[in-house]
Amino acid sequence: MLKGEATDTLHDIVIDQVFIDEQVDRMLAWEIFVRTIKGEDQQDIPPSELCDRIGVHKWYVNHLLEDIKGRFYAE
């Protein structure tokens, strides 16, 4: 049995940007999966609703598209 104080890693996880990015990617993949299974993948989803579901700020979709566009057209 280990002796000593319990460590609180929640604070470290919450401020770890890599962890947050992984969770956002996971939630986005889950939303895509669920919409595909339900047959809703061809229906539009408002960006604000998607952002609410995956827990990001309301401009996340715009920033994501700008990032993808920059990578797509990079030389």
PDB file of N, CA and C in Angstrom:
ATOM      1  N   MET A   1       0.840  -1.173   0.000  1.00  0.00           N
ATOM      2  CA  MET A   1       0.000   0.000   0.000  1.00  0.00           C
ATOM      3  C   MET A   1       0.887   1.238   0.000  1.00  0.00           C
ATOM      4  N   LEU A   2       0.548   2.186  -0.871  1.00  0.00           N
ATOM      5  CA  LEU A   2       1.320   3.419  -0.947  1.00  0.00           C
ATOM      6  C   LEU A   2       0.911   4.370   0.157  1.00  0.00           C
ATOM      7  N   LYS A   3       1.883   4.995   0.734  1.00  0.00           N
ATOM      8  CA  LYS A   3       1.588   5.965   1.787  1.00  0.00           C
ATOM      9  C   LYS A   3       1.933   7.349   1.260  1.00  0.00           C
ATOM     10  N   GLY A   4       1.260   8.316   1.787  1.00  0.00           N
ATOM     11  CA  GLY A   4       1.496   9.686   1.375  1.00  0.00           C
ATOM     12  C   GLY A   4       0.186  10.340   0.954  1.00  0.00           C
ATOM     13  N   GLU A   5       0.309  11.517   0.391  1.00  0.00           N
ATOM     14  CA  GLU A   5      -0.877  12.262  -0.003  1.00  0.00           C
ATOM     15  C   GLU A   5      -1.328  11.855  -1.400  1.00  0.00           C
ATOM     16  N   ALA A   6      -2.612  11.906  -1.597  1.00  0.00           N
ATOM     17  CA  ALA A   6      -3.163  11.650  -2.924  1.00  0.00           C
ATOM     18  C   ALA A   6      -2.814  12.841  -3.826  1.00  0.00           C
ATOM     19  N   THR A   7      -2.571  12.539  -5.061  1.00  0.00           N
ATOM     20  CA  THR A   7      -2.254  13.616  -5.992  1.00  0.00           C
ATOM     21  C   THR A   7      -3.490  13.960  -6.814  1.00  0.00           C
ATOM     22  N   ASP A   8      -3.655  15.231  -7.072  1.00  0.00           N
ATOM     23  CA  ASP A   8      -4.781  15.707  -7.868  1.00  0.00           C
ATOM     24  C   ASP A   8      -4.265  16.025  -9.264  1.00  0.00           C
ATOM     25  N   THR A   9      -4.556  15.144 -10.214  1.00  0.00           N
ATOM     26  CA  THR A   9      -4.075  15.349 -11.578  1.00  0.00           C
ATOM     27  C   THR A   9      -5.107  16.050 -12.452  1.00  0.00           C
ATOM     28  N   LEU A  10      -6.323  16.283 -11.949  1.00  0.00           N
ATOM     29  CA  LEU A  10      -7.355  16.926 -12.746  1.00  0.00           C
ATOM     30  C   LEU A  10      -6.906  18.292 -13.227  1.00  0.00           C
ATOM     31  N   HIS A  11      -6.314  19.075 -12.352  1.00  0.00           N
ATOM     32  CA  HIS A  11      -5.853  20.409 -12.744  1.00  0.00           C
ATOM     33  C   HIS A  11      -4.831  20.317 -13.867  1.00  0.00           C
ATOM     34  N   ASP A  12      -3.901  19.368 -13.760  1.00  0.00           N
ATOM     35  CA  ASP A  12      -2.881  19.199 -14.793  1.00  0.00           C
ATOM     36  C   ASP A  12      -3.493  18.783 -16.129  1.00  0.00           C
ATOM     37  N   ILE A  13      -4.516  17.936 -16.085  1.00  0.00           N
ATOM     38  CA  ILE A  13      -5.166  17.478 -17.310  1.00  0.00           C
ATOM     39  C   ILE A  13      -5.933  18.618 -17.961  1.00  0.00           C
ATOM     40  N   VAL A  14      -6.651  19.390 -17.172  1.00  0.00           N
ATOM     41  CA  VAL A  14      -7.511  20.442 -17.711  1.00  0.00           C
ATOM     42  C   VAL A  14      -6.703  21.539 -18.401  1.00  0.00           C
ATOM     43  N   ILE A  15      -5.500  21.812 -17.951  1.00  0.00           N
ATOM     44  CA  ILE A  15      -4.705  22.862 -18.584  1.00  0.00           C
ATOM     45  C   ILE A  15      -3.753  22.324 -19.646  1.00  0.00           C
ATOM     46  N   ASP A  16      -3.743  21.029 -19.866  1.00  0.00           N
ATOM     47  CA  ASP A  16      -2.882  20.406 -20.865  1.00  0.00           C
ATOM     48  C   ASP A  16      -3.543  20.523 -22.242  1.00  0.00           C
ATOM     49  N   GLN A  17      -3.004  21.395 -23.106  1.00  0.00           N
ATOM     50  CA  GLN A  17      -3.615  21.657 -24.406  1.00  0.00           C
ATOM     51  C   GLN A  17      -3.642  20.416 -25.297  1.00  0.00           C
ATOM     52  N   VAL A  18      -2.656  19.573 -25.208  1.00  0.00           N
ATOM     53  CA  VAL A  18      -2.641  18.337 -26.003  1.00  0.00           C
ATOM     54  C   VAL A  18      -3.819  17.452 -25.608  1.00  0.00           C
ATOM     55  N   PHE A  19      -4.056  17.317 -24.304  1.00  0.00           N
ATOM     56  CA  PHE A  19      -5.185  16.524 -23.819  1.00  0.00           C
ATOM     57  C   PHE A  19      -6.499  17.114 -24.302  1.00  0.00           C
ATOM     58  N   ILE A  20      -6.646  18.421 -24.212  1.00  0.00           N
ATOM     59  CA  ILE A  20      -7.879  19.084 -24.644  1.00  0.00           C
ATOM     60  C   ILE A  20      -8.104  18.866 -26.134  1.00  0.00           C
ATOM     61  N   ASP A  21      -7.062  19.031 -26.945  1.00  0.00           N
ATOM     62  CA  ASP A  21      -7.182  18.825 -28.393  1.00  0.00           C
ATOM     63  C   ASP A  21      -7.591  17.392 -28.720  1.00  0.00           C
ATOM     64  N   GLU A  22      -7.031  16.427 -27.998  1.00  0.00           N
ATOM     65  CA  GLU A  22      -7.399  15.023 -28.213  1.00  0.00           C
ATOM     66  C   GLU A  22      -8.866  14.786 -27.892  1.00  0.00           C
ATOM     67  N   GLN A  23      -9.356  15.398 -26.827  1.00  0.00           N
ATOM     68  CA  GLN A  23     -10.748  15.207 -26.437  1.00  0.00           C
ATOM     69  C   GLN A  23     -11.700  15.880 -27.424  1.00  0.00           C
ATOM     70  N   VAL A  24     -11.327  17.054 -27.935  1.00  0.00           N
ATOM     71  CA  VAL A  24     -12.148  17.724 -28.945  1.00  0.00           C
ATOM     72  C   VAL A  24     -12.195  16.864 -30.208  1.00  0.00           C
ATOM     73  N   ASP A  25     -11.059  16.326 -30.622  1.00  0.00           N
ATOM     74  CA  ASP A  25     -11.033  15.431 -31.790  1.00  0.00           C
ATOM     75  C   ASP A  25     -11.900  14.203 -31.550  1.00  0.00           C
ATOM     76  N   ARG A  26     -11.840  13.660 -30.357  1.00  0.00           N
ATOM     77  CA  ARG A  26     -12.635  12.481 -30.015  1.00  0.00           C
ATOM     78  C   ARG A  26     -14.125  12.800 -30.067  1.00  0.00           C
ATOM     79  N   MET A  27     -14.522  13.933 -29.516  1.00  0.00           N
ATOM     80  CA  MET A  27     -15.936  14.323 -29.523  1.00  0.00           C
ATOM     81  C   MET A  27     -16.424  14.625 -30.940  1.00  0.00           C
ATOM     82  N   LEU A  28     -15.583  15.244 -31.741  1.00  0.00           N
ATOM     83  CA  LEU A  28     -15.947  15.524 -33.130  1.00  0.00           C
ATOM     84  C   LEU A  28     -16.129  14.227 -33.903  1.00  0.00           C
ATOM     85  N   ALA A  29     -15.229  13.289 -33.718  1.00  0.00           N
ATOM     86  CA  ALA A  29     -15.351  11.979 -34.375  1.00  0.00           C
ATOM     87  C   ALA A  29     -16.619  11.266 -33.913  1.00  0.00           C
ATOM     88  N   TRP A  30     -16.947  11.379 -32.628  1.00  0.00           N
ATOM     89  CA  TRP A  30     -18.155  10.745 -32.105  1.00  0.00           C
ATOM     90  C   TRP A  30     -19.403  11.347 -32.768  1.00  0.00           C
ATOM     91  N   GLU A  31     -19.450  12.668 -32.888  1.00  0.00           N
ATOM     92  CA  GLU A  31     -20.601  13.315 -33.526  1.00  0.00           C
ATOM     93  C   GLU A  31     -20.737  12.876 -34.981  1.00  0.00           C
ATOM     94  N   ILE A  32     -19.619  12.776 -35.691  1.00  0.00           N
ATOM     95  CA  ILE A  32     -19.657  12.318 -37.078  1.00  0.00           C
ATOM     96  C   ILE A  32     -20.156  10.877 -37.137  1.00  0.00           C
ATOM     97  N   PHE A  33     -19.664  10.031 -36.255  1.00  0.00           N
ATOM     98  CA  PHE A  33     -20.079   8.633 -36.200  1.00  0.00           C
ATOM     99  C   PHE A  33     -21.584   8.512 -35.940  1.00  0.00           C
ATOM    100  N   VAL A  34     -22.078   9.227 -34.930  1.00  0.00           N
ATOM    101  CA  VAL A  34     -23.491   9.146 -34.568  1.00  0.00           C
ATOM    102  C   VAL A  34     -24.367   9.634 -35.714  1.00  0.00           C
ATOM    103  N   ARG A  35     -23.985  10.736 -36.336  1.00  0.00           N
ATOM    104  CA  ARG A  35     -24.786  11.263 -37.450  1.00  0.00           C
ATOM    105  C   ARG A  35     -24.777  10.295 -38.628  1.00  0.00           C
ATOM    106  N   THR A  36     -23.681   9.617 -38.863  1.00  0.00           N
ATOM    107  CA  THR A  36     -23.610   8.643 -39.947  1.00  0.00           C
ATOM    108  C   THR A  36     -24.498   7.445 -39.652  1.00  0.00           C
ATOM    109  N   ILE A  37     -24.432   6.938 -38.434  1.00  0.00           N
ATOM    110  CA  ILE A  37     -25.250   5.785 -38.042  1.00  0.00           C
ATOM    111  C   ILE A  37     -26.735   6.114 -38.136  1.00  0.00           C
ATOM    112  N   LYS A  38     -27.115   7.329 -37.736  1.00  0.00           N
ATOM    113  CA  LYS A  38     -28.517   7.728 -37.781  1.00  0.00           C
ATOM    114  C   LYS A  38     -28.978   8.091 -39.199  1.00  0.00           C
ATOM    115  N   GLY A  39     -28.051   8.159 -40.148  1.00  0.00           N
ATOM    116  CA  GLY A  39     -28.403   8.553 -41.508  1.00  0.00           C
ATOM    117  C   GLY A  39     -28.591  10.048 -41.658  1.00  0.00           C
ATOM    118  N   GLU A  40     -28.038  10.823 -40.722  1.00  0.00           N
ATOM    119  CA  GLU A  40     -28.171  12.276 -40.741  1.00  0.00           C
ATOM    120  C   GLU A  40     -26.925  12.955 -41.293  1.00  0.00           C
ATOM    121  N   ASP A  41     -26.014  12.187 -41.865  1.00  0.00           N
ATOM    122  CA  ASP A  41     -24.743  12.751 -42.290  1.00  0.00           C
ATOM    123  C   ASP A  41     -24.869  13.682 -43.487  1.00  0.00           C
ATOM    124  N   GLN A  42     -25.972  13.632 -44.217  1.00  0.00           N
ATOM    125  CA  GLN A  42     -26.168  14.533 -45.351  1.00  0.00           C
ATOM    126  C   GLN A  42     -26.948  15.787 -44.969  1.00  0.00           C
ATOM    127  N   GLN A  43     -27.422  15.836 -43.724  1.00  0.00           N
ATOM    128  CA  GLN A  43     -28.168  17.002 -43.252  1.00  0.00           C
ATOM    129  C   GLN A  43     -27.199  17.996 -42.622  1.00  0.00           C
ATOM    130  N   ASP A  44     -27.479  19.271 -42.848  1.00  0.00           N
ATOM    131  CA  ASP A  44     -26.637  20.312 -42.264  1.00  0.00           C
ATOM    132  C   ASP A  44     -26.837  20.383 -40.757  1.00  0.00           C
ATOM    133  N   ILE A  45     -25.773  20.713 -40.064  1.00  0.00           N
ATOM    134  CA  ILE A  45     -25.840  20.989 -38.637  1.00  0.00           C
ATOM    135  C   ILE A  45     -25.247  22.382 -38.442  1.00  0.00           C
ATOM    136  N   PRO A  46     -25.975  23.266 -37.797  1.00  0.00           N
ATOM    137  CA  PRO A  46     -25.449  24.620 -37.593  1.00  0.00           C
ATOM    138  C   PRO A  46     -24.133  24.570 -36.810  1.00  0.00           C
ATOM    139  N   PRO A  47     -23.172  25.384 -37.200  1.00  0.00           N
ATOM    140  CA  PRO A  47     -21.882  25.383 -36.487  1.00  0.00           C
ATOM    141  C   PRO A  47     -22.028  25.612 -34.984  1.00  0.00           C
ATOM    142  N   SER A  48     -22.962  26.462 -34.582  1.00  0.00           N
ATOM    143  CA  SER A  48     -23.131  26.729 -33.150  1.00  0.00           C
ATOM    144  C   SER A  48     -23.596  25.475 -32.404  1.00  0.00           C
ATOM    145  N   GLU A  49     -24.463  24.679 -33.033  1.00  0.00           N
ATOM    146  CA  GLU A  49     -24.928  23.444 -32.402  1.00  0.00           C
ATOM    147  C   GLU A  49     -23.790  22.430 -32.292  1.00  0.00           C
ATOM    148  N   LEU A  50     -22.997  22.314 -33.349  1.00  0.00           N
ATOM    149  CA  LEU A  50     -21.851  21.404 -33.317  1.00  0.00           C
ATOM    150  C   LEU A  50     -20.872  21.818 -32.222  1.00  0.00           C
ATOM    151  N   CYS A  51     -20.591  23.105 -32.133  1.00  0.00           N
ATOM    152  CA  CYS A  51     -19.668  23.602 -31.104  1.00  0.00           C
ATOM    153  C   CYS A  51     -20.195  23.315 -29.703  1.00  0.00           C
ATOM    154  N   ASP A  52     -21.497  23.463 -29.498  1.00  0.00           N
ATOM    155  CA  ASP A  52     -22.086  23.137 -28.196  1.00  0.00           C
ATOM    156  C   ASP A  52     -21.913  21.660 -27.872  1.00  0.00           C
ATOM    157  N   ARG A  53     -22.096  20.817 -28.871  1.00  0.00           N
ATOM    158  CA  ARG A  53     -22.011  19.375 -28.638  1.00  0.00           C
ATOM    159  C   ARG A  53     -20.598  18.907 -28.321  1.00  0.00           C
ATOM    160  N   ILE A  54     -19.589  19.527 -28.940  1.00  0.00           N
ATOM    161  CA  ILE A  54     -18.221  19.069 -28.701  1.00  0.00           C
ATOM    162  C   ILE A  54     -17.489  19.919 -27.669  1.00  0.00           C
ATOM    163  N   GLY A  55     -18.148  20.966 -27.177  1.00  0.00           N
ATOM    164  CA  GLY A  55     -17.604  21.738 -26.063  1.00  0.00           C
ATOM    165  C   GLY A  55     -16.485  22.694 -26.430  1.00  0.00           C
ATOM    166  N   VAL A  56     -16.644  23.416 -27.525  1.00  0.00           N
ATOM    167  CA  VAL A  56     -15.641  24.397 -27.930  1.00  0.00           C
ATOM    168  C   VAL A  56     -16.312  25.753 -28.136  1.00  0.00           C
ATOM    169  N   HIS A  57     -15.490  26.791 -28.331  1.00  0.00           N
ATOM    170  CA  HIS A  57     -16.028  28.131 -28.529  1.00  0.00           C
ATOM    171  C   HIS A  57     -16.762  28.222 -29.873  1.00  0.00           C
ATOM    172  N   LYS A  58     -17.615  29.229 -30.011  1.00  0.00           N
ATOM    173  CA  LYS A  58     -18.501  29.302 -31.169  1.00  0.00           C
ATOM    174  C   LYS A  58     -17.791  29.565 -32.493  1.00  0.00           C
ATOM    175  N   TRP A  59     -16.553  30.001 -32.476  1.00  0.00           N
ATOM    176  CA  TRP A  59     -15.815  30.259 -33.719  1.00  0.00           C
ATOM    177  C   TRP A  59     -14.888  29.111 -34.076  1.00  0.00           C
ATOM    178  N   TYR A  60     -14.983  28.004 -33.366  1.00  0.00           N
ATOM    179  CA  TYR A  60     -14.093  26.858 -33.596  1.00  0.00           C
ATOM    180  C   TYR A  60     -14.170  26.346 -35.033  1.00  0.00           C
ATOM    181  N   VAL A  61     -15.378  26.214 -35.566  1.00  0.00           N
ATOM    182  CA  VAL A  61     -15.543  25.688 -36.920  1.00  0.00           C
ATOM    183  C   VAL A  61     -14.871  26.606 -37.932  1.00  0.00           C
ATOM    184  N   ASN A  62     -15.031  27.915 -37.763  1.00  0.00           N
ATOM    185  CA  ASN A  62     -14.391  28.864 -38.674  1.00  0.00           C
ATOM    186  C   ASN A  62     -12.872  28.747 -38.594  1.00  0.00           C
ATOM    187  N   HIS A  63     -12.332  28.673 -37.385  1.00  0.00           N
ATOM    188  CA  HIS A  63     -10.882  28.541 -37.218  1.00  0.00           C
ATOM    189  C   HIS A  63     -10.386  27.224 -37.806  1.00  0.00           C
ATOM    190  N   LEU A  64     -11.151  26.159 -37.621  1.00  0.00           N
ATOM    191  CA  LEU A  64     -10.780  24.855 -38.158  1.00  0.00           C
ATOM    192  C   LEU A  64     -10.737  24.890 -39.681  1.00  0.00           C
ATOM    193  N   LEU A  65     -11.750  25.487 -40.301  1.00  0.00           N
ATOM    194  CA  LEU A  65     -11.781  25.581 -41.763  1.00  0.00           C
ATOM    195  C   LEU A  65     -10.640  26.437 -42.297  1.00  0.00           C
ATOM    196  N   GLU A  66     -10.324  27.528 -41.617  1.00  0.00           N
ATOM    197  CA  GLU A  66      -9.197  28.371 -42.031  1.00  0.00           C
ATOM    198  C   GLU A  66      -7.878  27.600 -41.935  1.00  0.00           C
ATOM    199  N   ASP A  67      -7.731  26.814 -40.882  1.00  0.00           N
ATOM    200  CA  ASP A  67      -6.525  26.000 -40.715  1.00  0.00           C
ATOM    201  C   ASP A  67      -6.411  24.965 -41.816  1.00  0.00           C
ATOM    202  N   ILE A  68      -7.513  24.302 -42.121  1.00  0.00           N
ATOM    203  CA  ILE A  68      -7.500  23.282 -43.182  1.00  0.00           C
ATOM    204  C   ILE A  68      -7.210  23.925 -44.533  1.00  0.00           C
ATOM    205  N   LYS A  69      -7.833  25.072 -44.783  1.00  0.00           N
ATOM    206  CA  LYS A  69      -7.614  25.771 -46.058  1.00  0.00           C
ATOM    207  C   LYS A  69      -6.140  26.155 -46.205  1.00  0.00           C
ATOM    208  N   GLY A  70      -5.548  26.631 -45.116  1.00  0.00           N
ATOM    209  CA  GLY A  70      -4.134  27.006 -45.150  1.00  0.00           C
ATOM    210  C   GLY A  70      -3.239  25.800 -45.444  1.00  0.00           C
ATOM    211  N   ARG A  71      -3.563  24.666 -44.891  1.00  0.00           N
ATOM    212  CA  ARG A  71      -2.779  23.452 -45.143  1.00  0.00           C
ATOM    213  C   ARG A  71      -3.020  22.916 -46.555  1.00  0.00           C
ATOM    214  N   PHE A  72      -4.256  23.016 -47.013  1.00  0.00           N
ATOM    215  CA  PHE A  72      -4.625  22.480 -48.319  1.00  0.00           C
ATOM    216  C   PHE A  72      -3.927  23.250 -49.448  1.00  0.00           C
ATOM    217  N   TYR A  73      -3.887  24.571 -49.311  1.00  0.00           N
ATOM    218  CA  TYR A  73      -3.294  25.401 -50.359  1.00  0.00           C
ATOM    219  C   TYR A  73      -1.821  25.711 -50.116  1.00  0.00           C
ATOM    220  N   ALA A  74      -1.219  25.116 -49.098  1.00  0.00           N
ATOM    221  CA  ALA A  74       0.202  25.337 -48.826  1.00  0.00           C
ATOM    222  C   ALA A  74       1.039  24.740 -49.942  1.00  0.00           C
ATOM    223  N   GLU A  75       2.108  25.398 -50.225  1.00  0.00           N
ATOM    224  CA  GLU A  75       2.981  24.920 -51.306  1.00  0.00           C
ATOM    225  C   GLU A  75       4.016  23.958 -50.784  1.00  0.00           C
TER     226      GLU A  75
END
